[in-house]
Amino acid sequence: MSTWLTLVLMLASPADDKPAAKPDRDTMIKSARTVMAAIVAAGRENGRQPAPLKEDRLTEYYVRAAAAAARRLPEKQRAPALLLALGVALDQSSLMRENPVTAIPWRRVETDAERTERLKVLGTPTVHGRHDLAQHFSVSAGLTALLGAKAAESAGLLKELLDAEPGGSGFSFADLAADLSGVAFAQKLLDDPSRLTGIEKSFTVAAFVVPPKGLTEDLSLEQFTKQYGSIRDARFRKELEALRKKLRALPGHKE
């Protein structure tokens, strides 16, 4: 999986897909570390409360804390730092840390020792009650800041195709919807960092992430091929556009 994901990230991230206002990578990583520190501090504070936040409310708490920290950075650094930090912070897997394309920035944002500490204090943030969807949303947002929207979408789609292979968890339109939601969330902030004010005050999962209810999951490659042909097939493109329509209808993505 890592080899194919590396290939698609390299091929799907042309320079002109990167936001014009993005700071250089060293500055982005340094700024993301600042936001990461704020997220971990928020996790420690939450753990000290008599009734700590959990699940979606915990995710919302972390996103708002990250936005507050990002808003103290220079304007051009705010959105990329927030997105990259969230991509690292809400992900409990090691896929991005091991992939050749993303390993260096992921490990520079958070050392192994810092990751161990973060996993102890952050709990299990969710999106629509599922941690896997929180990972899809946040990692896609981080990849959008790092490599661009096309690369992030391509990586999410490829991962689902690989999951459909024997031994995988199956192709999931719910996962793909969370990926697309993360990319759209990131693109809005990169296009207009002033949106961070609203994110800090009132970010909610429901406003920004397509819910999984009713979306097909656990498709084997054989089942996917039978129902949708391929990712270029009109049947699949219709389903993809339906997801985008659901996304555009969410309060956070309406113009």
C-alpha atoms as a PDB file:
ATOM      1  CA  MET A   1       0.000   0.000   0.000  1.00  0.00           C
ATOM      2  CA  SER A   2       2.764   2.426   0.894  1.00  0.00           C
ATOM      3  CA  THR A   3       4.436   2.099  -2.522  1.00  0.00           C
ATOM      4  CA  TRP A   4       1.281   2.868  -4.465  1.00  0.00           C
ATOM      5  CA  LEU A   5       0.327   5.699  -2.148  1.00  0.00           C
ATOM      6  CA  THR A   6       3.770   7.189  -2.617  1.00  0.00           C
ATOM      7  CA  LEU A   7       3.381   7.019  -6.391  1.00  0.00           C
ATOM      8  CA  VAL A   8      -0.007   8.683  -6.483  1.00  0.00           C
ATOM      9  CA  LEU A   9       1.103  11.468  -4.153  1.00  0.00           C
ATOM     10  CA  MET A  10       4.120  12.175  -6.351  1.00  0.00           C
ATOM     11  CA  LEU A  11       2.132  12.135  -9.600  1.00  0.00           C
ATOM     12  CA  ALA A  12      -0.892  14.034  -8.323  1.00  0.00           C
ATOM     13  CA  SER A  13       0.818  16.993  -6.698  1.00  0.00           C
ATOM     14  CA  PRO A  14       1.906  19.421  -9.426  1.00  0.00           C
ATOM     15  CA  ALA A  15       3.389  22.698  -8.301  1.00  0.00           C
ATOM     16  CA  ASP A  16       0.487  24.725  -9.691  1.00  0.00           C
ATOM     17  CA  ASP A  17      -1.917  22.853  -7.381  1.00  0.00           C
ATOM     18  CA  LYS A  18      -0.291  24.423  -4.320  1.00  0.00           C
ATOM     19  CA  PRO A  19      -1.965  27.487  -2.807  1.00  0.00           C
ATOM     20  CA  ALA A  20      -0.146  30.678  -3.732  1.00  0.00           C
ATOM     21  CA  ALA A  21      -0.153  31.983  -0.165  1.00  0.00           C
ATOM     22  CA  LYS A  22       1.438  28.858   1.315  1.00  0.00           C
ATOM     23  CA  PRO A  23       4.642  29.542   3.302  1.00  0.00           C
ATOM     24  CA  ASP A  24       7.781  27.538   2.589  1.00  0.00           C
ATOM     25  CA  ARG A  25       7.791  24.019   4.026  1.00  0.00           C
ATOM     26  CA  ASP A  26      10.258  24.718   6.845  1.00  0.00           C
ATOM     27  CA  THR A  27       8.151  27.625   8.046  1.00  0.00           C
ATOM     28  CA  MET A  28       4.972  25.556   7.713  1.00  0.00           C
ATOM     29  CA  ILE A  29       6.426  22.756   9.818  1.00  0.00           C
ATOM     30  CA  LYS A  30       7.715  25.123  12.476  1.00  0.00           C
ATOM     31  CA  SER A  31       4.311  26.809  12.671  1.00  0.00           C
ATOM     32  CA  ALA A  32       2.513  23.446  12.715  1.00  0.00           C
ATOM     33  CA  ARG A  33       4.603  22.440  15.732  1.00  0.00           C
ATOM     34  CA  THR A  34       3.271  25.498  17.545  1.00  0.00           C
ATOM     35  CA  VAL A  35      -0.293  24.459  16.773  1.00  0.00           C
ATOM     36  CA  MET A  36       0.480  20.847  17.728  1.00  0.00           C
ATOM     37  CA  ALA A  37       1.676  22.007  21.136  1.00  0.00           C
ATOM     38  CA  ALA A  38      -1.626  23.822  21.651  1.00  0.00           C
ATOM     39  CA  ILE A  39      -3.620  20.712  20.698  1.00  0.00           C
ATOM     40  CA  VAL A  40      -1.665  18.523  23.116  1.00  0.00           C
ATOM     41  CA  ALA A  41      -2.046  21.141  25.859  1.00  0.00           C
ATOM     42  CA  ALA A  42      -5.800  21.141  25.189  1.00  0.00           C
ATOM     43  CA  GLY A  43      -5.787  17.353  25.531  1.00  0.00           C
ATOM     44  CA  ARG A  44      -4.082  17.551  28.911  1.00  0.00           C
ATOM     45  CA  GLU A  45      -6.547  20.199  30.078  1.00  0.00           C
ATOM     46  CA  ASN A  46      -9.498  18.114  28.916  1.00  0.00           C
ATOM     47  CA  GLY A  47      -8.158  15.107  30.807  1.00  0.00           C
ATOM     48  CA  ARG A  48      -8.173  17.107  34.033  1.00  0.00           C
ATOM     49  CA  GLN A  49     -11.876  17.923  33.780  1.00  0.00           C
ATOM     50  CA  PRO A  50     -14.469  16.061  35.915  1.00  0.00           C
ATOM     51  CA  ALA A  51     -16.366  15.195  32.717  1.00  0.00           C
ATOM     52  CA  PRO A  52     -13.871  15.217  29.827  1.00  0.00           C
ATOM     53  CA  LEU A  53     -15.155  15.812  26.322  1.00  0.00           C
ATOM     54  CA  LYS A  54     -15.414  12.741  24.133  1.00  0.00           C
ATOM     55  CA  GLU A  55     -16.041  11.677  20.548  1.00  0.00           C
ATOM     56  CA  ASP A  56     -17.267  14.436  18.167  1.00  0.00           C
ATOM     57  CA  ARG A  57     -17.216  17.085  20.886  1.00  0.00           C
ATOM     58  CA  LEU A  58     -13.587  16.230  21.531  1.00  0.00           C
ATOM     59  CA  THR A  59     -12.745  16.681  17.848  1.00  0.00           C
ATOM     60  CA  GLU A  60     -14.523  20.035  17.818  1.00  0.00           C
ATOM     61  CA  TYR A  61     -12.619  21.095  20.927  1.00  0.00           C
ATOM     62  CA  TYR A  62      -9.285  20.254  19.308  1.00  0.00           C
ATOM     63  CA  VAL A  63     -10.088  21.985  16.029  1.00  0.00           C
ATOM     64  CA  ARG A  64     -11.148  25.135  17.877  1.00  0.00           C
ATOM     65  CA  ALA A  65      -8.030  25.050  20.061  1.00  0.00           C
ATOM     66  CA  ALA A  66      -5.884  24.615  16.955  1.00  0.00           C
ATOM     67  CA  ALA A  67      -7.599  27.540  15.253  1.00  0.00           C
ATOM     68  CA  ALA A  68      -7.012  29.743  18.286  1.00  0.00           C
ATOM     69  CA  ALA A  69      -3.308  28.886  18.241  1.00  0.00           C
ATOM     70  CA  ALA A  70      -3.044  29.345  14.482  1.00  0.00           C
ATOM     71  CA  ARG A  71      -4.608  32.800  14.628  1.00  0.00           C
ATOM     72  CA  ARG A  72      -1.646  33.988  16.695  1.00  0.00           C
ATOM     73  CA  LEU A  73       0.720  33.192  13.818  1.00  0.00           C
ATOM     74  CA  PRO A  74       1.528  35.462  10.859  1.00  0.00           C
ATOM     75  CA  GLU A  75      -1.391  35.427   8.423  1.00  0.00           C
ATOM     76  CA  LYS A  76       0.207  33.370   5.636  1.00  0.00           C
ATOM     77  CA  GLN A  77       1.223  30.669   8.108  1.00  0.00           C
ATOM     78  CA  ARG A  78      -2.118  30.275   9.863  1.00  0.00           C
ATOM     79  CA  ALA A  79      -4.158  27.966   7.642  1.00  0.00           C
ATOM     80  CA  PRO A  80      -1.317  25.651   6.514  1.00  0.00           C
ATOM     81  CA  ALA A  81      -0.084  25.278  10.112  1.00  0.00           C
ATOM     82  CA  LEU A  82      -3.552  24.474  11.416  1.00  0.00           C
ATOM     83  CA  LEU A  83      -4.244  21.906   8.691  1.00  0.00           C
ATOM     84  CA  LEU A  84      -0.914  20.112   8.892  1.00  0.00           C
ATOM     85  CA  ALA A  85      -1.071  19.982  12.692  1.00  0.00           C
ATOM     86  CA  LEU A  86      -4.592  18.530  12.613  1.00  0.00           C
ATOM     87  CA  GLY A  87      -3.508  15.955  10.046  1.00  0.00           C
ATOM     88  CA  VAL A  88      -0.830  14.729  12.421  1.00  0.00           C
ATOM     89  CA  ALA A  89      -2.667  15.190  15.715  1.00  0.00           C
ATOM     90  CA  LEU A  90      -5.941  13.376  15.010  1.00  0.00           C
ATOM     91  CA  ASP A  91      -4.281  10.407  13.287  1.00  0.00           C
ATOM     92  CA  GLN A  92      -3.450   7.401  15.459  1.00  0.00           C
ATOM     93  CA  SER A  93      -2.085   5.349  12.547  1.00  0.00           C
ATOM     94  CA  SER A  94       1.514   5.339  11.335  1.00  0.00           C
ATOM     95  CA  LEU A  95       0.829   5.292   7.565  1.00  0.00           C
ATOM     96  CA  MET A  96       1.842   8.887   6.917  1.00  0.00           C
ATOM     97  CA  ARG A  97       4.905   8.594   9.149  1.00  0.00           C
ATOM     98  CA  GLU A  98       6.117   5.616   7.116  1.00  0.00           C
ATOM     99  CA  ASN A  99       5.286   6.831   3.614  1.00  0.00           C
ATOM    100  CA  PRO A 100       8.366   8.240   1.821  1.00  0.00           C
ATOM    101  CA  VAL A 101       6.473  11.288   0.544  1.00  0.00           C
ATOM    102  CA  THR A 102       5.036  12.351   3.904  1.00  0.00           C
ATOM    103  CA  ALA A 103       7.380  10.776   6.479  1.00  0.00           C
ATOM    104  CA  ILE A 104       9.781  13.703   6.769  1.00  0.00           C
ATOM    105  CA  PRO A 105       7.218  16.483   7.331  1.00  0.00           C
ATOM    106  CA  TRP A 106       5.079  14.255   9.593  1.00  0.00           C
ATOM    107  CA  ARG A 107       8.087  13.337  11.749  1.00  0.00           C
ATOM    108  CA  ARG A 108       9.343  16.915  11.850  1.00  0.00           C
ATOM    109  CA  VAL A 109       5.987  18.154  13.078  1.00  0.00           C
ATOM    110  CA  GLU A 110       6.042  15.473  15.791  1.00  0.00           C
ATOM    111  CA  THR A 111       8.969  13.372  16.983  1.00  0.00           C
ATOM    112  CA  ASP A 112       8.475   9.751  18.050  1.00  0.00           C
ATOM    113  CA  ALA A 113       8.659  10.756  21.708  1.00  0.00           C
ATOM    114  CA  GLU A 114       6.139  13.547  21.190  1.00  0.00           C
ATOM    115  CA  ARG A 115       3.816  11.150  19.373  1.00  0.00           C
ATOM    116  CA  THR A 116       3.920   8.750  22.308  1.00  0.00           C
ATOM    117  CA  GLU A 117       2.959  11.577  24.672  1.00  0.00           C
ATOM    118  CA  ARG A 118       0.240  12.860  22.336  1.00  0.00           C
ATOM    119  CA  LEU A 119      -1.382   9.434  22.097  1.00  0.00           C
ATOM    120  CA  LYS A 120      -1.509   9.261  25.899  1.00  0.00           C
ATOM    121  CA  VAL A 121      -3.383  12.529  26.370  1.00  0.00           C
ATOM    122  CA  LEU A 122      -5.576  13.145  23.308  1.00  0.00           C
ATOM    123  CA  GLY A 123      -8.105  10.355  23.802  1.00  0.00           C
ATOM    124  CA  THR A 124     -10.125   9.201  20.791  1.00  0.00           C
ATOM    125  CA  PRO A 125     -11.635  12.092  18.832  1.00  0.00           C
ATOM    126  CA  THR A 126     -14.307  11.062  16.338  1.00  0.00           C
ATOM    127  CA  VAL A 127     -16.254  12.331  13.356  1.00  0.00           C
ATOM    128  CA  HIS A 128     -19.890  11.250  13.349  1.00  0.00           C
ATOM    129  CA  GLY A 129     -18.990   8.847  16.140  1.00  0.00           C
ATOM    130  CA  ARG A 130     -16.136   7.136  14.276  1.00  0.00           C
ATOM    131  CA  HIS A 131     -12.428   7.628  14.820  1.00  0.00           C
ATOM    132  CA  ASP A 132     -11.554   6.301  11.364  1.00  0.00           C
ATOM    133  CA  LEU A 133     -13.555   9.135   9.813  1.00  0.00           C
ATOM    134  CA  ALA A 134     -11.727  11.657  12.009  1.00  0.00           C
ATOM    135  CA  GLN A 135      -8.460  10.303  10.600  1.00  0.00           C
ATOM    136  CA  HIS A 136      -9.695  10.482   7.009  1.00  0.00           C
ATOM    137  CA  PHE A 137     -10.929  14.046   7.484  1.00  0.00           C
ATOM    138  CA  SER A 138      -7.848  15.390   9.247  1.00  0.00           C
ATOM    139  CA  VAL A 139      -5.199  13.594   7.173  1.00  0.00           C
ATOM    140  CA  SER A 140      -6.866  14.735   3.943  1.00  0.00           C
ATOM    141  CA  ALA A 141      -6.851  18.303   5.269  1.00  0.00           C
ATOM    142  CA  GLY A 142      -3.167  17.998   6.159  1.00  0.00           C
ATOM    143  CA  LEU A 143      -2.269  16.537   2.764  1.00  0.00           C
ATOM    144  CA  THR A 144      -4.113  19.386   1.048  1.00  0.00           C
ATOM    145  CA  ALA A 145      -1.956  21.922   2.873  1.00  0.00           C
ATOM    146  CA  LEU A 146       1.206  19.969   2.195  1.00  0.00           C
ATOM    147  CA  LEU A 147       0.707  18.742  -1.388  1.00  0.00           C
ATOM    148  CA  GLY A 148      -2.475  20.256  -2.786  1.00  0.00           C
ATOM    149  CA  ALA A 149      -6.115  19.256  -3.204  1.00  0.00           C
ATOM    150  CA  LYS A 150      -5.618  16.975  -6.218  1.00  0.00           C
ATOM    151  CA  ALA A 151      -2.991  14.881  -4.454  1.00  0.00           C
ATOM    152  CA  ALA A 152      -5.109  14.625  -1.305  1.00  0.00           C
ATOM    153  CA  GLU A 153      -8.197  13.488  -3.218  1.00  0.00           C
ATOM    154  CA  SER A 154      -6.197  11.033  -5.312  1.00  0.00           C
ATOM    155  CA  ALA A 155      -4.579   9.542  -2.219  1.00  0.00           C
ATOM    156  CA  GLY A 156      -7.950   9.052  -0.533  1.00  0.00           C
ATOM    157  CA  LEU A 157      -9.444   7.395  -3.583  1.00  0.00           C
ATOM    158  CA  LEU A 158      -6.469   5.112  -4.065  1.00  0.00           C
ATOM    159  CA  LYS A 159      -6.548   4.028  -0.438  1.00  0.00           C
ATOM    160  CA  GLU A 160     -10.158   2.929  -0.840  1.00  0.00           C
ATOM    161  CA  LEU A 161      -9.278   0.903  -3.934  1.00  0.00           C
ATOM    162  CA  LEU A 162      -6.443  -0.747  -2.037  1.00  0.00           C
ATOM    163  CA  ASP A 163      -8.761  -1.451   0.893  1.00  0.00           C
ATOM    164  CA  ALA A 164     -11.037  -3.274  -1.558  1.00  0.00           C
ATOM    165  CA  GLU A 165      -8.280  -5.793  -2.262  1.00  0.00           C
ATOM    166  CA  PRO A 166      -8.422  -9.191  -0.490  1.00  0.00           C
ATOM    167  CA  GLY A 167      -7.600  -8.790   3.184  1.00  0.00           C
ATOM    168  CA  GLY A 168      -8.539  -5.100   3.232  1.00  0.00           C
ATOM    169  CA  SER A 169     -11.420  -3.403   5.020  1.00  0.00           C
ATOM    170  CA  GLY A 170     -13.346  -2.829   1.787  1.00  0.00           C
ATOM    171  CA  PHE A 171     -14.099   0.218  -0.343  1.00  0.00           C
ATOM    172  CA  SER A 172     -15.997   2.769   1.742  1.00  0.00           C
ATOM    173  CA  PHE A 173     -17.924   5.730   0.379  1.00  0.00           C
ATOM    174  CA  ALA A 174     -18.153   6.952   3.992  1.00  0.00           C
ATOM    175  CA  ASP A 175     -14.353   7.116   4.170  1.00  0.00           C
ATOM    176  CA  LEU A 176     -14.259   8.839   0.795  1.00  0.00           C
ATOM    177  CA  ALA A 177     -16.849  11.380   1.941  1.00  0.00           C
ATOM    178  CA  ALA A 178     -14.687  12.204   4.960  1.00  0.00           C
ATOM    179  CA  ASP A 179     -11.676  12.587   2.666  1.00  0.00           C
ATOM    180  CA  LEU A 180     -13.535  14.994   0.400  1.00  0.00           C
ATOM    181  CA  SER A 181     -14.807  16.895   3.437  1.00  0.00           C
ATOM    182  CA  GLY A 182     -11.245  17.328   4.718  1.00  0.00           C
ATOM    183  CA  VAL A 183     -10.007  18.557   1.361  1.00  0.00           C
ATOM    184  CA  ALA A 184     -12.869  21.050   1.040  1.00  0.00           C
ATOM    185  CA  PHE A 185     -12.363  22.280   4.610  1.00  0.00           C
ATOM    186  CA  ALA A 186      -8.665  22.806   3.935  1.00  0.00           C
ATOM    187  CA  GLN A 187      -9.215  24.558   0.633  1.00  0.00           C
ATOM    188  CA  LYS A 188     -11.641  27.025   2.191  1.00  0.00           C
ATOM    189  CA  LEU A 189      -9.125  27.982   4.880  1.00  0.00           C
ATOM    190  CA  LEU A 190      -6.218  28.195   2.435  1.00  0.00           C
ATOM    191  CA  ASP A 191      -8.270  30.414   0.139  1.00  0.00           C
ATOM    192  CA  ASP A 192      -9.418  32.650   2.981  1.00  0.00           C
ATOM    193  CA  PRO A 193      -7.527  32.414   6.317  1.00  0.00           C
ATOM    194  CA  SER A 194      -9.963  34.899   7.872  1.00  0.00           C
ATOM    195  CA  ARG A 195     -12.384  31.951   8.173  1.00  0.00           C
ATOM    196  CA  LEU A 196     -10.276  30.785  11.120  1.00  0.00           C
ATOM    197  CA  THR A 197     -12.157  33.211  13.351  1.00  0.00           C
ATOM    198  CA  GLY A 198     -15.386  31.337  12.743  1.00  0.00           C
ATOM    199  CA  ILE A 199     -13.646  27.977  13.107  1.00  0.00           C
ATOM    200  CA  GLU A 200     -12.285  28.972  16.494  1.00  0.00           C
ATOM    201  CA  LYS A 201     -15.693  30.093  17.709  1.00  0.00           C
ATOM    202  CA  SER A 202     -18.071  27.544  16.299  1.00  0.00           C
ATOM    203  CA  PHE A 203     -16.534  24.615  14.386  1.00  0.00           C
ATOM    204  CA  THR A 204     -18.772  21.539  14.449  1.00  0.00           C
ATOM    205  CA  VAL A 205     -18.379  18.164  12.805  1.00  0.00           C
ATOM    206  CA  ALA A 206     -21.944  18.285  11.492  1.00  0.00           C
ATOM    207  CA  ALA A 207     -21.307  21.546   9.645  1.00  0.00           C
ATOM    208  CA  PHE A 208     -18.220  20.381   7.783  1.00  0.00           C
ATOM    209  CA  VAL A 209     -18.230  16.584   7.337  1.00  0.00           C
ATOM    210  CA  VAL A 210     -20.663  14.508   5.283  1.00  0.00           C
ATOM    211  CA  PRO A 211     -22.341  11.957   7.606  1.00  0.00           C
ATOM    212  CA  PRO A 212     -21.805   8.262   6.797  1.00  0.00           C
ATOM    213  CA  LYS A 213     -25.456   7.252   7.154  1.00  0.00           C
ATOM    214  CA  GLY A 214     -26.713   5.558   4.005  1.00  0.00           C
ATOM    215  CA  LEU A 215     -23.303   5.440   2.297  1.00  0.00           C
ATOM    216  CA  THR A 216     -22.119   2.084   0.957  1.00  0.00           C
ATOM    217  CA  GLU A 217     -19.152   0.479   2.719  1.00  0.00           C
ATOM    218  CA  ASP A 218     -17.181  -2.776   2.893  1.00  0.00           C
ATOM    219  CA  LEU A 219     -17.164  -3.401  -0.855  1.00  0.00           C
ATOM    220  CA  SER A 220     -14.719  -5.989  -2.120  1.00  0.00           C
ATOM    221  CA  LEU A 221     -12.930  -5.218  -5.378  1.00  0.00           C
ATOM    222  CA  GLU A 222     -15.201  -7.696  -7.144  1.00  0.00           C
ATOM    223  CA  GLN A 223     -18.296  -5.999  -5.754  1.00  0.00           C
ATOM    224  CA  PHE A 224     -16.955  -2.538  -6.561  1.00  0.00           C
ATOM    225  CA  THR A 225     -16.168  -3.538 -10.135  1.00  0.00           C
ATOM    226  CA  LYS A 226     -19.588  -5.130 -10.599  1.00  0.00           C
ATOM    227  CA  GLN A 227     -21.463  -2.085  -9.328  1.00  0.00           C
ATOM    228  CA  TYR A 228     -19.246   0.784 -10.480  1.00  0.00           C
ATOM    229  CA  GLY A 229     -16.854  -0.583 -13.105  1.00  0.00           C
ATOM    230  CA  SER A 230     -13.852   1.624 -12.371  1.00  0.00           C
ATOM    231  CA  ILE A 231     -13.178   5.093 -11.023  1.00  0.00           C
ATOM    232  CA  ARG A 232     -13.538   6.400 -14.589  1.00  0.00           C
ATOM    233  CA  ASP A 233     -16.884   4.704 -15.112  1.00  0.00           C
ATOM    234  CA  ALA A 234     -19.944   6.950 -15.352  1.00  0.00           C
ATOM    235  CA  ARG A 235     -21.595   4.978 -12.544  1.00  0.00           C
ATOM    236  CA  PHE A 236     -18.802   5.783 -10.135  1.00  0.00           C
ATOM    237  CA  ARG A 237     -18.546   9.399 -11.267  1.00  0.00           C
ATOM    238  CA  LYS A 238     -22.255   9.743 -10.527  1.00  0.00           C
ATOM    239  CA  GLU A 239     -21.717   8.500  -6.967  1.00  0.00           C
ATOM    240  CA  LEU A 240     -18.745  10.817  -6.538  1.00  0.00           C
ATOM    241  CA  GLU A 241     -20.769  13.806  -7.685  1.00  0.00           C
ATOM    242  CA  ALA A 242     -23.541  12.813  -5.262  1.00  0.00           C
ATOM    243  CA  LEU A 243     -20.993  12.986  -2.432  1.00  0.00           C
ATOM    244  CA  ARG A 244     -19.844  16.407  -3.601  1.00  0.00           C
ATOM    245  CA  LYS A 245     -23.450  17.569  -3.680  1.00  0.00           C
ATOM    246  CA  LYS A 246     -23.951  16.409  -0.075  1.00  0.00           C
ATOM    247  CA  LEU A 247     -20.767  18.232   0.858  1.00  0.00           C
ATOM    248  CA  ARG A 248     -21.804  21.492  -0.782  1.00  0.00           C
ATOM    249  CA  ALA A 249     -25.122  21.368   1.089  1.00  0.00           C
ATOM    250  CA  LEU A 250     -23.468  21.326   4.531  1.00  0.00           C
ATOM    251  CA  PRO A 251     -23.664  24.617   6.479  1.00  0.00           C
ATOM    252  CA  GLY A 252     -19.886  24.984   6.670  1.00  0.00           C
ATOM    253  CA  HIS A 253     -19.446  24.665   2.918  1.00  0.00           C
ATOM    254  CA  LYS A 254     -22.310  26.806   1.697  1.00  0.00           C
ATOM    255  CA  GLU A 255     -21.188  30.062   0.163  1.00  0.00           C
END
